[in-house]
Structure formats: C-alpha cells, structure tokens
Amino acid sequence: MAGKKPLVVVTRKLPDVIEARMCELFDVRLNPTDRPMSQAELVEASRIADVLVPTVTDRVDSGVIAQAGPSLKLITNFGNGVDNIDVIKATERGIAVTNTPGVLTEDTADMTMALILAVPRHMADGMRALQAGEWQGWSPTGMLGNRLRGKKLGIVGMGRIGQAVARRAGAFGLSVFYHNRHRLPPEVEDKLAATWCESLDQMLNRMDIVTVHCPHTPATYHLLSARRLKLMRPDAYLINTARGEIVDEAALTRMLVAGELAGAGLDVYEQEPAISPKLVKCSRALLLPHMGSATIESRIEMGEKVIVNIRAFMDEHHLPDRVLPSML
C-alpha cells in the first residue's frame, strides 16, 4: 500500500476538520447525510474499500466480512469498543482491526460522575416538575434525595474509565469498591483508595451505587442478569455508560417500575436506538442518548487516531491501535 492512496469509506459524518484532513491524505468516500448505513450498504462499502471506517452504529459482522472485497485490509473503528465488529472473522480474512483507545476516558468518566450525582438527587424529577409548572416553591420534604459522602460505590470493570471514575468518586467522599477480571496492583489500589471484590455477587449486595465500565464481549453479555440485579438493595442505584448489552434491560425495567431499585442512570441500551417505552416513562430512570463521549475534543482525537492508523497501514508500519482476538 506504500505510495498509493487507499480508498477509505467512512460510514458516518465525522468532524469537519477530520474529514478535511482525510480528503488531503486519502481517496475518501464520505457520508455527508450522517444516515446510518444499512447492512446492504455496509456490504457494498466492504467490497470496494481498502479501508473501512465504521462506528458503533455499524454491525460489521461475519456476513459483511465474508462478502468483503480482496482489497479490504483494514477496518479502523471510530470508537473504543469493537463489539460491533467480528474481529475473529476479520483476522481470519487477513483484515486488520483498530480502534481509538484512551481518548474517551475522561469524557465518559465525567458523564458517569454526572449521573452518579444526578440520579440520587432526583435532578431529572426536579427539571420535569419545573417544565410542567408543578413546582410550588421550596419545601422541607420536597425532592429529597441521598447524599454521596459516605456511600459505597461499586465499579464493574476497572480499566481506564473505571479508574478515572474512581479518582472522581474519592473527591465526593464515596468509598470505592471494584470487581475486575484481574486485581489491580497494590500501588494502584492505594492510589485510588479502591478495594477489590473477588465476588461480583457479594459486591452488588453491599453497594449503594453500582456503575458499569467493562467492555461488551460474549462473556459480559447480561453480566448484570436478572439474578444479579436482584442482589442489589432496593435503595441502590445503577449507572451504565458502557454498553447496554451488559445489563438485562428488561429485568432492570421491571425492577425500576416495581420500586425494587431506587433508580438508574443510563446512557446506553440493548437495542439502540430503540428503548422500551416502559423504561422511557419510568420516573426512576434518568436516560441519556449515548452521549458519554460526546465532546468536540474527544471526537477530534478519535478521528486523529483513525488517521494515524490508516497512515501506518499505508506505510506498512506497525498499527498502533490494532485489536487482536486474544485481546477480547
């Protein structure tokens, strides 16, 4: 590929500065309408492209990869998670896969902390009351929530984002506990003032707030199953800014409606963009439209990482953000 401009197909509208730079460097097919591609359109894109740039809205599954043209050698995902791509099938076909790690960490942690603040303090309820003209003024017993200081926060998945949340949580006086596949080194635990819980079940039963930060893989699908959600206390809160598939959304909705959980703050859903009407109407749920990493800075940094990986591919160099099946 050295010396030849690759044909790069981008599935969604990216920041103008990124698209402009791509057009300078590559032969690019853009999507100015920002309409998600259908599976048939993804197949067609994979047939003609040297490089495919999908996003989390694109299911680059085994069927798409099986029909890819011989020139497709790189799928560089505009996003950190690669659960939308069949990495194993791509690798078998000799197609490299890259992602954009690291750049979403702080923004997603900020949004997580915003939900941790907002849900126990009923901020969404207060906003709805104001907008509906129902607020009658201050009351000693009106809109009573729970303070954070002294509460226990359980983090499911202690990677970059989980650790960033732990740093923020300490500033609000939360006691931090975590469950992870592998225990963190003692010096990291000490720095975060975080306590490892070997058993996820036991951690869930003890926490005031649980926040999800593990990747979506076959092993983590419905990790927070109906059984595990039942382990949480009725006065506890659940926050999810990771992936919707990690939580049994139907079971969570039933529990929220029945008052078996105090509340939830969700930025991701199992069948995005479709959301259960019961969940949408539930007053115990604060729902956001998958905007945890939605800052100008993160989107530009994501695009820059995509460009770096494509240039490395062009120059036949090591791909800095390559994702291998063994990493999943």
C-alpha atoms as a PDB file:
ATOM      1  CA  MET A   1       0.000   0.000   0.000  1.00  0.00           C
ATOM      2  CA  ALA A   2       3.058   2.276   0.344  1.00  0.00           C
ATOM      3  CA  GLY A   3       2.910   5.146  -2.160  1.00  0.00           C
ATOM      4  CA  LYS A   4      -0.728   4.556  -3.122  1.00  0.00           C
ATOM      5  CA  LYS A   5      -3.688   6.436  -1.680  1.00  0.00           C
ATOM      6  CA  PRO A   6      -6.112   3.905  -0.234  1.00  0.00           C
ATOM      7  CA  LEU A   7      -9.832   4.115  -0.872  1.00  0.00           C
ATOM      8  CA  VAL A   8     -11.301   4.905   2.553  1.00  0.00           C
ATOM      9  CA  VAL A   9     -15.049   4.540   3.092  1.00  0.00           C
ATOM     10  CA  VAL A  10     -16.380   6.411   6.145  1.00  0.00           C
ATOM     11  CA  THR A  11     -19.799   5.265   7.302  1.00  0.00           C
ATOM     12  CA  ARG A  12     -20.926   8.340   9.283  1.00  0.00           C
ATOM     13  CA  LYS A  13     -20.385  12.122   9.338  1.00  0.00           C
ATOM     14  CA  LEU A  14     -17.173  12.956  11.226  1.00  0.00           C
ATOM     15  CA  PRO A  15     -15.957  16.366  12.461  1.00  0.00           C
ATOM     16  CA  ASP A  16     -15.209  18.703   9.561  1.00  0.00           C
ATOM     17  CA  VAL A  17     -11.543  19.059  10.470  1.00  0.00           C
ATOM     18  CA  ILE A  18     -11.120  15.278  10.397  1.00  0.00           C
ATOM     19  CA  GLU A  19     -12.912  14.851   7.087  1.00  0.00           C
ATOM     20  CA  ALA A  20     -10.843  17.648   5.555  1.00  0.00           C
ATOM     21  CA  ARG A  21      -7.599  16.024   6.682  1.00  0.00           C
ATOM     22  CA  MET A  22      -8.737  12.630   5.401  1.00  0.00           C
ATOM     23  CA  CYS A  23      -9.502  14.119   1.995  1.00  0.00           C
ATOM     24  CA  GLU A  24      -5.980  15.539   1.846  1.00  0.00           C
ATOM     25  CA  LEU A  25      -4.371  12.204   2.626  1.00  0.00           C
ATOM     26  CA  PHE A  26      -6.634   9.523   1.157  1.00  0.00           C
ATOM     27  CA  ASP A  27      -9.159   8.764  -1.568  1.00  0.00           C
ATOM     28  CA  VAL A  28     -12.257   9.137   0.620  1.00  0.00           C
ATOM     29  CA  ARG A  29     -15.957   8.332   0.296  1.00  0.00           C
ATOM     30  CA  LEU A  30     -17.795  10.328   2.993  1.00  0.00           C
ATOM     31  CA  ASN A  31     -21.336  10.169   4.341  1.00  0.00           C
ATOM     32  CA  PRO A  32     -22.478  13.820   4.488  1.00  0.00           C
ATOM     33  CA  THR A  33     -26.057  12.865   5.406  1.00  0.00           C
ATOM     34  CA  ASP A  34     -24.923  11.037   8.587  1.00  0.00           C
ATOM     35  CA  ARG A  35     -27.623   8.448   7.943  1.00  0.00           C
ATOM     36  CA  PRO A  36     -26.565   5.037   9.311  1.00  0.00           C
ATOM     37  CA  MET A  37     -25.725   2.594   6.554  1.00  0.00           C
ATOM     38  CA  SER A  38     -27.928  -0.431   6.004  1.00  0.00           C
ATOM     39  CA  GLN A  39     -26.314  -3.871   6.085  1.00  0.00           C
ATOM     40  CA  ALA A  40     -26.513  -3.964   2.284  1.00  0.00           C
ATOM     41  CA  GLU A  41     -24.695  -0.632   2.075  1.00  0.00           C
ATOM     42  CA  LEU A  42     -22.045  -1.884   4.517  1.00  0.00           C
ATOM     43  CA  VAL A  43     -21.529  -4.944   2.324  1.00  0.00           C
ATOM     44  CA  GLU A  44     -21.102  -2.719  -0.728  1.00  0.00           C
ATOM     45  CA  ALA A  45     -18.660  -0.487   1.152  1.00  0.00           C
ATOM     46  CA  SER A  46     -16.622  -3.517   2.222  1.00  0.00           C
ATOM     47  CA  ARG A  47     -16.491  -4.725  -1.396  1.00  0.00           C
ATOM     48  CA  ILE A  48     -14.896  -1.557  -2.760  1.00  0.00           C
ATOM     49  CA  ALA A  49     -12.837  -0.182   0.142  1.00  0.00           C
ATOM     50  CA  ASP A  50      -9.202  -0.629   1.039  1.00  0.00           C
ATOM     51  CA  VAL A  51     -10.051   0.804   4.457  1.00  0.00           C
ATOM     52  CA  LEU A  52     -13.458   0.829   6.154  1.00  0.00           C
ATOM     53  CA  VAL A  53     -14.122   3.371   8.933  1.00  0.00           C
ATOM     54  CA  PRO A  54     -17.255   2.205  10.806  1.00  0.00           C
ATOM     55  CA  THR A  55     -18.759   3.434  14.058  1.00  0.00           C
ATOM     56  CA  VAL A  56     -20.696   1.777  16.888  1.00  0.00           C
ATOM     57  CA  THR A  57     -23.889   2.023  14.795  1.00  0.00           C
ATOM     58  CA  ASP A  58     -22.452  -0.341  12.143  1.00  0.00           C
ATOM     59  CA  ARG A  59     -22.629  -4.130  12.536  1.00  0.00           C
ATOM     60  CA  VAL A  60     -19.584  -5.350  10.646  1.00  0.00           C
ATOM     61  CA  ASP A  61     -20.466  -8.971  11.330  1.00  0.00           C
ATOM     62  CA  SER A  62     -19.285 -12.231   9.783  1.00  0.00           C
ATOM     63  CA  GLY A  63     -21.760 -11.824   6.924  1.00  0.00           C
ATOM     64  CA  VAL A  64     -20.349  -8.444   5.935  1.00  0.00           C
ATOM     65  CA  ILE A  65     -16.764  -9.643   6.273  1.00  0.00           C
ATOM     66  CA  ALA A  66     -17.439 -12.778   4.240  1.00  0.00           C
ATOM     67  CA  GLN A  67     -18.536 -10.583   1.318  1.00  0.00           C
ATOM     68  CA  ALA A  68     -15.684  -8.086   1.617  1.00  0.00           C
ATOM     69  CA  GLY A  69     -13.611  -7.438  -1.468  1.00  0.00           C
ATOM     70  CA  PRO A  70      -9.989  -8.595  -1.709  1.00  0.00           C
ATOM     71  CA  SER A  71      -8.728  -5.022  -1.335  1.00  0.00           C
ATOM     72  CA  LEU A  72     -10.190  -4.545   2.161  1.00  0.00           C
ATOM     73  CA  LYS A  73      -7.247  -4.902   4.523  1.00  0.00           C
ATOM     74  CA  LEU A  74      -8.107  -2.547   7.384  1.00  0.00           C
ATOM     75  CA  ILE A  75     -11.189  -1.803   9.478  1.00  0.00           C
ATOM     76  CA  THR A  76     -10.377   1.174  11.679  1.00  0.00           C
ATOM     77  CA  ASN A  77     -13.251   1.662  14.082  1.00  0.00           C
ATOM     78  CA  PHE A  78     -14.228   5.209  15.053  1.00  0.00           C
ATOM     79  CA  GLY A  79     -14.722   4.195  18.664  1.00  0.00           C
ATOM     80  CA  ASN A  80     -13.109   2.339  21.524  1.00  0.00           C
ATOM     81  CA  GLY A  81     -15.366  -0.707  21.782  1.00  0.00           C
ATOM     82  CA  VAL A  82     -15.201  -3.179  18.903  1.00  0.00           C
ATOM     83  CA  ASP A  83     -18.212  -5.324  19.808  1.00  0.00           C
ATOM     84  CA  ASN A  84     -19.783  -4.096  16.557  1.00  0.00           C
ATOM     85  CA  ILE A  85     -17.065  -5.896  14.555  1.00  0.00           C
ATOM     86  CA  ASP A  86     -16.376  -9.613  14.207  1.00  0.00           C
ATOM     87  CA  VAL A  87     -12.678  -9.289  14.947  1.00  0.00           C
ATOM     88  CA  ILE A  88     -12.072 -13.044  14.740  1.00  0.00           C
ATOM     89  CA  LYS A  89     -13.553 -13.353  11.230  1.00  0.00           C
ATOM     90  CA  ALA A  90     -11.735 -10.224  10.097  1.00  0.00           C
ATOM     91  CA  THR A  91      -8.415 -11.589  11.328  1.00  0.00           C
ATOM     92  CA  GLU A  92      -9.066 -14.903   9.601  1.00  0.00           C
ATOM     93  CA  ARG A  93      -9.614 -12.978   6.336  1.00  0.00           C
ATOM     94  CA  GLY A  94      -6.353 -11.076   6.805  1.00  0.00           C
ATOM     95  CA  ILE A  95      -8.156  -7.837   7.653  1.00  0.00           C
ATOM     96  CA  ALA A  96      -6.630  -5.832  10.498  1.00  0.00           C
ATOM     97  CA  VAL A  97      -8.903  -4.091  13.016  1.00  0.00           C
ATOM     98  CA  THR A  98      -8.010  -0.986  15.007  1.00  0.00           C
ATOM     99  CA  ASN A  99      -9.873   1.215  17.480  1.00  0.00           C
ATOM    100  CA  THR A 100      -9.436   4.538  19.295  1.00  0.00           C
ATOM    101  CA  PRO A 101      -8.489   3.725  22.904  1.00  0.00           C
ATOM    102  CA  GLY A 102      -7.736   6.256  25.602  1.00  0.00           C
ATOM    103  CA  VAL A 103      -9.316   9.372  24.124  1.00  0.00           C
ATOM    104  CA  LEU A 104     -12.800   8.702  25.545  1.00  0.00           C
ATOM    105  CA  THR A 105     -11.700   8.053  29.105  1.00  0.00           C
ATOM    106  CA  GLU A 106     -12.060  11.427  30.784  1.00  0.00           C
ATOM    107  CA  ASP A 107     -15.234  12.488  28.991  1.00  0.00           C
ATOM    108  CA  THR A 108     -17.023   9.211  29.718  1.00  0.00           C
ATOM    109  CA  ALA A 109     -15.884   9.349  33.346  1.00  0.00           C
ATOM    110  CA  ASP A 110     -17.226  12.901  33.591  1.00  0.00           C
ATOM    111  CA  MET A 111     -20.620  11.793  32.278  1.00  0.00           C
ATOM    112  CA  THR A 112     -20.651   8.840  34.649  1.00  0.00           C
ATOM    113  CA  MET A 113     -19.974  11.129  37.565  1.00  0.00           C
ATOM    114  CA  ALA A 114     -22.715  13.464  36.375  1.00  0.00           C
ATOM    115  CA  LEU A 115     -25.193  10.562  36.508  1.00  0.00           C
ATOM    116  CA  ILE A 116     -23.895   9.455  39.908  1.00  0.00           C
ATOM    117  CA  LEU A 117     -24.634  12.979  41.129  1.00  0.00           C
ATOM    118  CA  ALA A 118     -27.920  13.464  39.327  1.00  0.00           C
ATOM    119  CA  VAL A 119     -29.772  10.192  39.947  1.00  0.00           C
ATOM    120  CA  PRO A 120     -29.677  10.022  43.786  1.00  0.00           C
ATOM    121  CA  ARG A 121     -30.518  13.746  43.972  1.00  0.00           C
ATOM    122  CA  HIS A 122     -33.566  13.445  41.646  1.00  0.00           C
ATOM    123  CA  MET A 123     -32.315  16.165  39.303  1.00  0.00           C
ATOM    124  CA  ALA A 124     -34.375  14.876  36.372  1.00  0.00           C
ATOM    125  CA  ASP A 125     -37.520  14.862  38.536  1.00  0.00           C
ATOM    126  CA  GLY A 126     -36.844  18.453  39.544  1.00  0.00           C
ATOM    127  CA  MET A 127     -36.387  19.525  35.951  1.00  0.00           C
ATOM    128  CA  ARG A 128     -39.596  17.780  34.893  1.00  0.00           C
ATOM    129  CA  ALA A 129     -41.548  19.442  37.721  1.00  0.00           C
ATOM    130  CA  LEU A 130     -40.313  22.869  36.657  1.00  0.00           C
ATOM    131  CA  GLN A 131     -41.049  22.278  32.984  1.00  0.00           C
ATOM    132  CA  ALA A 132     -44.548  21.026  33.801  1.00  0.00           C
ATOM    133  CA  GLY A 133     -45.260  24.045  36.013  1.00  0.00           C
ATOM    134  CA  GLU A 134     -45.771  21.773  39.023  1.00  0.00           C
ATOM    135  CA  TRP A 135     -43.192  23.312  41.362  1.00  0.00           C
ATOM    136  CA  GLN A 136     -44.854  25.242  44.171  1.00  0.00           C
ATOM    137  CA  GLY A 137     -41.669  26.521  45.829  1.00  0.00           C
ATOM    138  CA  TRP A 138     -39.211  25.182  48.364  1.00  0.00           C
ATOM    139  CA  SER A 139     -40.434  22.566  50.818  1.00  0.00           C
ATOM    140  CA  PRO A 140     -38.631  20.904  53.752  1.00  0.00           C
ATOM    141  CA  THR A 141     -39.594  17.485  52.410  1.00  0.00           C
ATOM    142  CA  GLY A 142     -39.635  18.208  48.678  1.00  0.00           C
ATOM    143  CA  MET A 143     -37.374  16.340  46.228  1.00  0.00           C
ATOM    144  CA  LEU A 144     -35.426  14.597  48.991  1.00  0.00           C
ATOM    145  CA  GLY A 145     -32.560  12.517  47.645  1.00  0.00           C
ATOM    146  CA  ASN A 146     -29.428  10.910  49.060  1.00  0.00           C
ATOM    147  CA  ARG A 147     -26.037  12.477  49.716  1.00  0.00           C
ATOM    148  CA  LEU A 148     -22.958  10.831  48.211  1.00  0.00           C
ATOM    149  CA  ARG A 149     -20.478  11.268  51.040  1.00  0.00           C
ATOM    150  CA  GLY A 150     -20.099   8.064  52.993  1.00  0.00           C
ATOM    151  CA  LYS A 151     -21.835   5.895  50.391  1.00  0.00           C
ATOM    152  CA  LYS A 152     -20.296   2.788  48.780  1.00  0.00           C
ATOM    153  CA  LEU A 153     -19.640   2.874  45.022  1.00  0.00           C
ATOM    154  CA  GLY A 154     -19.118  -0.433  43.230  1.00  0.00           C
ATOM    155  CA  ILE A 155     -17.289  -0.262  39.888  1.00  0.00           C
ATOM    156  CA  VAL A 156     -17.782  -3.194  37.500  1.00  0.00           C
ATOM    157  CA  GLY A 157     -14.683  -3.134  35.288  1.00  0.00           C
ATOM    158  CA  MET A 158     -11.596  -1.240  36.435  1.00  0.00           C
ATOM    159  CA  GLY A 159      -9.919  -0.315  33.187  1.00  0.00           C
ATOM    160  CA  ARG A 160      -9.103   3.230  32.087  1.00  0.00           C
ATOM    161  CA  ILE A 161     -12.631   4.573  32.525  1.00  0.00           C
ATOM    162  CA  GLY A 162     -13.330   2.690  35.741  1.00  0.00           C
ATOM    163  CA  GLN A 163     -10.154   4.094  37.272  1.00  0.00           C
ATOM    164  CA  ALA A 164     -10.999   7.603  36.087  1.00  0.00           C
ATOM    165  CA  VAL A 165     -14.395   7.297  37.785  1.00  0.00           C
ATOM    166  CA  ALA A 166     -12.708   6.061  40.966  1.00  0.00           C
ATOM    167  CA  ARG A 167     -10.486   9.155  41.036  1.00  0.00           C
ATOM    168  CA  ARG A 168     -13.521  11.419  40.767  1.00  0.00           C
ATOM    169  CA  ALA A 169     -15.554   9.437  43.277  1.00  0.00           C
ATOM    170  CA  GLY A 170     -12.987   9.892  46.008  1.00  0.00           C
ATOM    171  CA  ALA A 171     -13.343  13.660  45.770  1.00  0.00           C
ATOM    172  CA  PHE A 172     -17.053  13.292  46.625  1.00  0.00           C
ATOM    173  CA  GLY A 173     -16.403  11.166  49.677  1.00  0.00           C
ATOM    174  CA  LEU A 174     -17.528   7.880  48.150  1.00  0.00           C
ATOM    175  CA  SER A 175     -15.904   4.643  49.309  1.00  0.00           C
ATOM    176  CA  VAL A 176     -14.732   2.830  46.170  1.00  0.00           C
ATOM    177  CA  PHE A 177     -15.004  -0.920  45.615  1.00  0.00           C
ATOM    178  CA  TYR A 178     -14.421  -2.727  42.333  1.00  0.00           C
ATOM    179  CA  HIS A 179     -14.793  -6.059  40.585  1.00  0.00           C
ATOM    180  CA  ASN A 180     -12.449  -6.863  37.715  1.00  0.00           C
ATOM    181  CA  ARG A 181     -11.183  -9.968  35.942  1.00  0.00           C
ATOM    182  CA  HIS A 182      -7.754  -9.245  37.370  1.00  0.00           C
ATOM    183  CA  ARG A 183      -6.909  -7.462  40.574  1.00  0.00           C
ATOM    184  CA  LEU A 184      -5.060  -4.164  40.216  1.00  0.00           C
ATOM    185  CA  PRO A 185      -1.516  -3.836  41.566  1.00  0.00           C
ATOM    186  CA  PRO A 186      -1.451  -2.778  45.245  1.00  0.00           C
ATOM    187  CA  GLU A 187       0.070   0.604  44.424  1.00  0.00           C
ATOM    188  CA  VAL A 188      -2.809   1.388  42.036  1.00  0.00           C
ATOM    189  CA  GLU A 189      -5.388   0.294  44.604  1.00  0.00           C
ATOM    190  CA  ASP A 190      -3.710   2.508  47.204  1.00  0.00           C
ATOM    191  CA  LYS A 191      -3.645   5.496  44.846  1.00  0.00           C
ATOM    192  CA  LEU A 192      -7.347   5.088  44.061  1.00  0.00           C
ATOM    193  CA  ALA A 193      -8.299   4.093  47.626  1.00  0.00           C
ATOM    194  CA  ALA A 194     -10.148   1.203  45.984  1.00  0.00           C
ATOM    195  CA  THR A 195     -10.996  -2.195  47.484  1.00  0.00           C
ATOM    196  CA  TRP A 196     -11.104  -5.277  45.260  1.00  0.00           C
ATOM    197  CA  CYS A 197     -14.121  -7.574  45.456  1.00  0.00           C
ATOM    198  CA  GLU A 198     -13.374 -11.028  44.088  1.00  0.00           C
ATOM    199  CA  SER A 199     -17.079 -11.882  44.043  1.00  0.00           C
ATOM    200  CA  LEU A 200     -19.310  -9.686  41.889  1.00  0.00           C
ATOM    201  CA  ASP A 201     -22.389 -11.095  43.632  1.00  0.00           C
ATOM    202  CA  GLN A 202     -21.143 -10.078  47.054  1.00  0.00           C
ATOM    203  CA  MET A 203     -20.153  -6.623  45.862  1.00  0.00           C
ATOM    204  CA  LEU A 204     -23.569  -5.948  44.333  1.00  0.00           C
ATOM    205  CA  ASN A 205     -25.278  -6.839  47.588  1.00  0.00           C
ATOM    206  CA  ARG A 206     -23.247  -4.297  49.570  1.00  0.00           C
ATOM    207  CA  MET A 207     -23.205  -1.229  47.322  1.00  0.00           C
ATOM    208  CA  ASP A 208     -25.249   1.965  47.403  1.00  0.00           C
ATOM    209  CA  ILE A 209     -24.352   2.763  43.778  1.00  0.00           C
ATOM    210  CA  VAL A 210     -23.094   0.396  41.054  1.00  0.00           C
ATOM    211  CA  THR A 211     -21.534   1.716  37.856  1.00  0.00           C
ATOM    212  CA  VAL A 212     -20.654  -0.395  34.796  1.00  0.00           C
ATOM    213  CA  HIS A 213     -17.367   0.047  32.892  1.00  0.00           C
ATOM    214  CA  CYS A 214     -16.434  -3.315  31.389  1.00  0.00           C
ATOM    215  CA  PRO A 215     -16.407  -3.940  27.626  1.00  0.00           C
ATOM    216  CA  HIS A 216     -19.196  -5.821  25.905  1.00  0.00           C
ATOM    217  CA  THR A 217     -17.972  -9.288  24.948  1.00  0.00           C
ATOM    218  CA  PRO A 218     -19.700 -12.673  24.815  1.00  0.00           C
ATOM    219  CA  ALA A 219     -18.505 -13.204  28.391  1.00  0.00           C
ATOM    220  CA  THR A 220     -20.062  -9.944  29.650  1.00  0.00           C
ATOM    221  CA  TYR A 221     -23.408 -10.187  27.838  1.00  0.00           C
ATOM    222  CA  HIS A 222     -26.030  -9.755  30.598  1.00  0.00           C
ATOM    223  CA  LEU A 223     -23.272  -9.836  33.189  1.00  0.00           C
ATOM    224  CA  LEU A 224     -25.786  -7.950  35.307  1.00  0.00           C
ATOM    225  CA  SER A 225     -28.504 -10.530  34.770  1.00  0.00           C
ATOM    226  CA  ALA A 226     -31.926 -10.589  36.375  1.00  0.00           C
ATOM    227  CA  ARG A 227     -30.482 -12.755  39.143  1.00  0.00           C
ATOM    228  CA  ARG A 228     -27.614 -10.376  39.828  1.00  0.00           C
ATOM    229  CA  LEU A 229     -29.799  -7.280  39.683  1.00  0.00           C
ATOM    230  CA  LYS A 230     -31.960  -8.874  42.362  1.00  0.00           C
ATOM    231  CA  LEU A 231     -28.863  -8.957  44.598  1.00  0.00           C
ATOM    232  CA  MET A 232     -28.799  -5.155  44.692  1.00  0.00           C
ATOM    233  CA  ARG A 233     -30.526  -3.460  47.592  1.00  0.00           C
ATOM    234  CA  PRO A 234     -33.877  -1.738  46.939  1.00  0.00           C
ATOM    235  CA  ASP A 235     -32.325   1.610  47.903  1.00  0.00           C
ATOM    236  CA  ALA A 236     -29.388   1.218  45.486  1.00  0.00           C
ATOM    237  CA  TYR A 237     -28.758   2.916  42.145  1.00  0.00           C
ATOM    238  CA  LEU A 238     -27.375   1.542  38.866  1.00  0.00           C
ATOM    239  CA  ILE A 239     -25.334   3.615  36.377  1.00  0.00           C
ATOM    240  CA  ASN A 240     -24.371   2.357  32.904  1.00  0.00           C
ATOM    241  CA  THR A 241     -22.269   4.333  30.423  1.00  0.00           C
ATOM    242  CA  ALA A 242     -20.515   1.268  28.960  1.00  0.00           C
ATOM    243  CA  ARG A 243     -22.706  -0.921  26.737  1.00  0.00           C
ATOM    244  CA  GLY A 244     -26.401  -1.686  27.037  1.00  0.00           C
ATOM    245  CA  GLU A 245     -25.938  -5.409  26.425  1.00  0.00           C
ATOM    246  CA  ILE A 246     -24.067  -5.829  29.716  1.00  0.00           C
ATOM    247  CA  VAL A 247     -27.302  -5.269  31.673  1.00  0.00           C
ATOM    248  CA  ASP A 248     -30.519  -7.262  31.305  1.00  0.00           C
ATOM    249  CA  GLU A 249     -32.543  -4.199  30.361  1.00  0.00           C
ATOM    250  CA  ALA A 250     -35.931  -5.898  30.557  1.00  0.00           C
ATOM    251  CA  ALA A 251     -35.225  -7.125  34.090  1.00  0.00           C
ATOM    252  CA  LEU A 252     -33.877  -3.716  35.104  1.00  0.00           C
ATOM    253  CA  THR A 253     -37.022  -2.022  33.770  1.00  0.00           C
ATOM    254  CA  ARG A 254     -39.282  -4.391  35.687  1.00  0.00           C
ATOM    255  CA  MET A 255     -37.382  -3.722  38.915  1.00  0.00           C
ATOM    256  CA  LEU A 256     -37.451   0.043  38.474  1.00  0.00           C
ATOM    257  CA  VAL A 257     -41.186   0.070  37.754  1.00  0.00           C
ATOM    258  CA  ALA A 258     -41.825  -2.158  40.770  1.00  0.00           C
ATOM    259  CA  GLY A 259     -39.687   0.003  43.045  1.00  0.00           C
ATOM    260  CA  GLU A 260     -37.170  -2.791  43.617  1.00  0.00           C
ATOM    261  CA  LEU A 261     -34.340  -0.388  42.768  1.00  0.00           C
ATOM    262  CA  ALA A 262     -34.145   3.247  43.805  1.00  0.00           C
ATOM    263  CA  GLY A 263     -33.070   4.460  40.383  1.00  0.00           C
ATOM    264  CA  ALA A 264     -30.869   4.139  37.326  1.00  0.00           C
ATOM    265  CA  GLY A 265     -28.832   6.457  35.124  1.00  0.00           C
ATOM    266  CA  LEU A 266     -28.389   5.025  31.631  1.00  0.00           C
ATOM    267  CA  ASP A 267     -26.537   6.331  28.594  1.00  0.00           C
ATOM    268  CA  VAL A 268     -26.572   3.042  26.638  1.00  0.00           C
ATOM    269  CA  TYR A 269     -29.248   0.486  25.724  1.00  0.00           C
ATOM    270  CA  GLU A 270     -29.533  -3.073  24.480  1.00  0.00           C
ATOM    271  CA  GLN A 271     -31.264  -2.286  21.170  1.00  0.00           C
ATOM    272  CA  GLU A 272     -30.051   1.236  20.394  1.00  0.00           C
ATOM    273  CA  PRO A 273     -31.630   3.463  19.285  1.00  0.00           C
ATOM    274  CA  ALA A 274     -34.793   1.603  20.314  1.00  0.00           C
ATOM    275  CA  ILE A 275     -35.689   1.888  24.006  1.00  0.00           C
ATOM    276  CA  SER A 276     -38.543   0.203  25.844  1.00  0.00           C
ATOM    277  CA  PRO A 277     -41.474   2.640  26.274  1.00  0.00           C
ATOM    278  CA  LYS A 278     -41.815   1.387  29.855  1.00  0.00           C
ATOM    279  CA  LEU A 279     -38.226   2.415  30.554  1.00  0.00           C
ATOM    280  CA  VAL A 280     -38.703   5.805  28.880  1.00  0.00           C
ATOM    281  CA  LYS A 281     -41.752   6.515  31.047  1.00  0.00           C
ATOM    282  CA  CYS A 282     -40.185   5.270  34.272  1.00  0.00           C
ATOM    283  CA  SER A 283     -39.657   8.149  36.692  1.00  0.00           C
ATOM    284  CA  ARG A 284     -36.868   6.260  38.435  1.00  0.00           C
ATOM    285  CA  ALA A 285     -34.702   6.258  35.284  1.00  0.00           C
ATOM    286  CA  LEU A 286     -32.584   9.145  34.037  1.00  0.00           C
ATOM    287  CA  LEU A 287     -31.934   8.391  30.371  1.00  0.00           C
ATOM    288  CA  LEU A 288     -29.360   9.956  28.050  1.00  0.00           C
ATOM    289  CA  PRO A 289     -28.890   9.345  24.287  1.00  0.00           C
ATOM    290  CA  HIS A 290     -25.444   7.627  24.283  1.00  0.00           C
ATOM    291  CA  MET A 291     -23.563  10.889  24.742  1.00  0.00           C
ATOM    292  CA  GLY A 292     -20.940   9.857  27.288  1.00  0.00           C
ATOM    293  CA  SER A 293     -18.032  10.677  24.974  1.00  0.00           C
ATOM    294  CA  ALA A 294     -19.806  13.419  23.034  1.00  0.00           C
ATOM    295  CA  THR A 295     -17.356  16.289  23.286  1.00  0.00           C
ATOM    296  CA  ILE A 296     -15.737  18.104  20.392  1.00  0.00           C
ATOM    297  CA  GLU A 297     -12.332  17.288  21.814  1.00  0.00           C
ATOM    298  CA  SER A 298     -12.887  13.538  22.038  1.00  0.00           C
ATOM    299  CA  ARG A 299     -14.415  13.256  18.572  1.00  0.00           C
ATOM    300  CA  ILE A 300     -11.456  15.082  17.010  1.00  0.00           C
ATOM    301  CA  GLU A 301      -8.974  12.944  18.951  1.00  0.00           C
ATOM    302  CA  MET A 302     -10.814   9.816  17.812  1.00  0.00           C
ATOM    303  CA  GLY A 303     -10.558  10.963  14.217  1.00  0.00           C
ATOM    304  CA  GLU A 304      -6.868  11.703  14.627  1.00  0.00           C
ATOM    305  CA  LYS A 305      -6.300   8.165  15.890  1.00  0.00           C
ATOM    306  CA  VAL A 306      -8.153   6.768  12.885  1.00  0.00           C
ATOM    307  CA  ILE A 307      -5.907   8.805  10.581  1.00  0.00           C
ATOM    308  CA  VAL A 308      -2.741   7.662  12.371  1.00  0.00           C
ATOM    309  CA  ASN A 309      -3.767   4.025  11.964  1.00  0.00           C
ATOM    310  CA  ILE A 310      -4.576   4.460   8.265  1.00  0.00           C
ATOM    311  CA  ARG A 311      -1.234   6.197   7.646  1.00  0.00           C
ATOM    312  CA  ALA A 312       0.594   3.400   9.433  1.00  0.00           C
ATOM    313  CA  PHE A 313      -1.283   0.949   7.215  1.00  0.00           C
ATOM    314  CA  MET A 314      -0.317   2.923   4.098  1.00  0.00           C
ATOM    315  CA  ASP A 315       3.335   2.934   5.115  1.00  0.00           C
ATOM    316  CA  GLU A 316       3.234  -0.757   6.059  1.00  0.00           C
ATOM    317  CA  HIS A 317       4.189   0.100   9.625  1.00  0.00           C
ATOM    318  CA  HIS A 318       3.010  -1.346  12.932  1.00  0.00           C
ATOM    319  CA  LEU A 319      -0.611  -0.397  13.615  1.00  0.00           C
ATOM    320  CA  PRO A 320      -0.556   1.467  16.960  1.00  0.00           C
ATOM    321  CA  ASP A 321      -4.126   0.567  17.964  1.00  0.00           C
ATOM    322  CA  ARG A 322      -4.544  -2.897  16.496  1.00  0.00           C
ATOM    323  CA  VAL A 323      -7.152  -5.132  18.140  1.00  0.00           C
ATOM    324  CA  LEU A 324      -6.427  -8.872  18.152  1.00  0.00           C
ATOM    325  CA  PRO A 325      -8.829 -11.705  19.022  1.00  0.00           C
ATOM    326  CA  SER A 326      -6.692 -12.534  22.059  1.00  0.00           C
ATOM    327  CA  MET A 327      -7.440  -9.059  23.462  1.00  0.00           C
ATOM    328  CA  LEU A 328     -11.202  -9.589  23.538  1.00  0.00           C
END
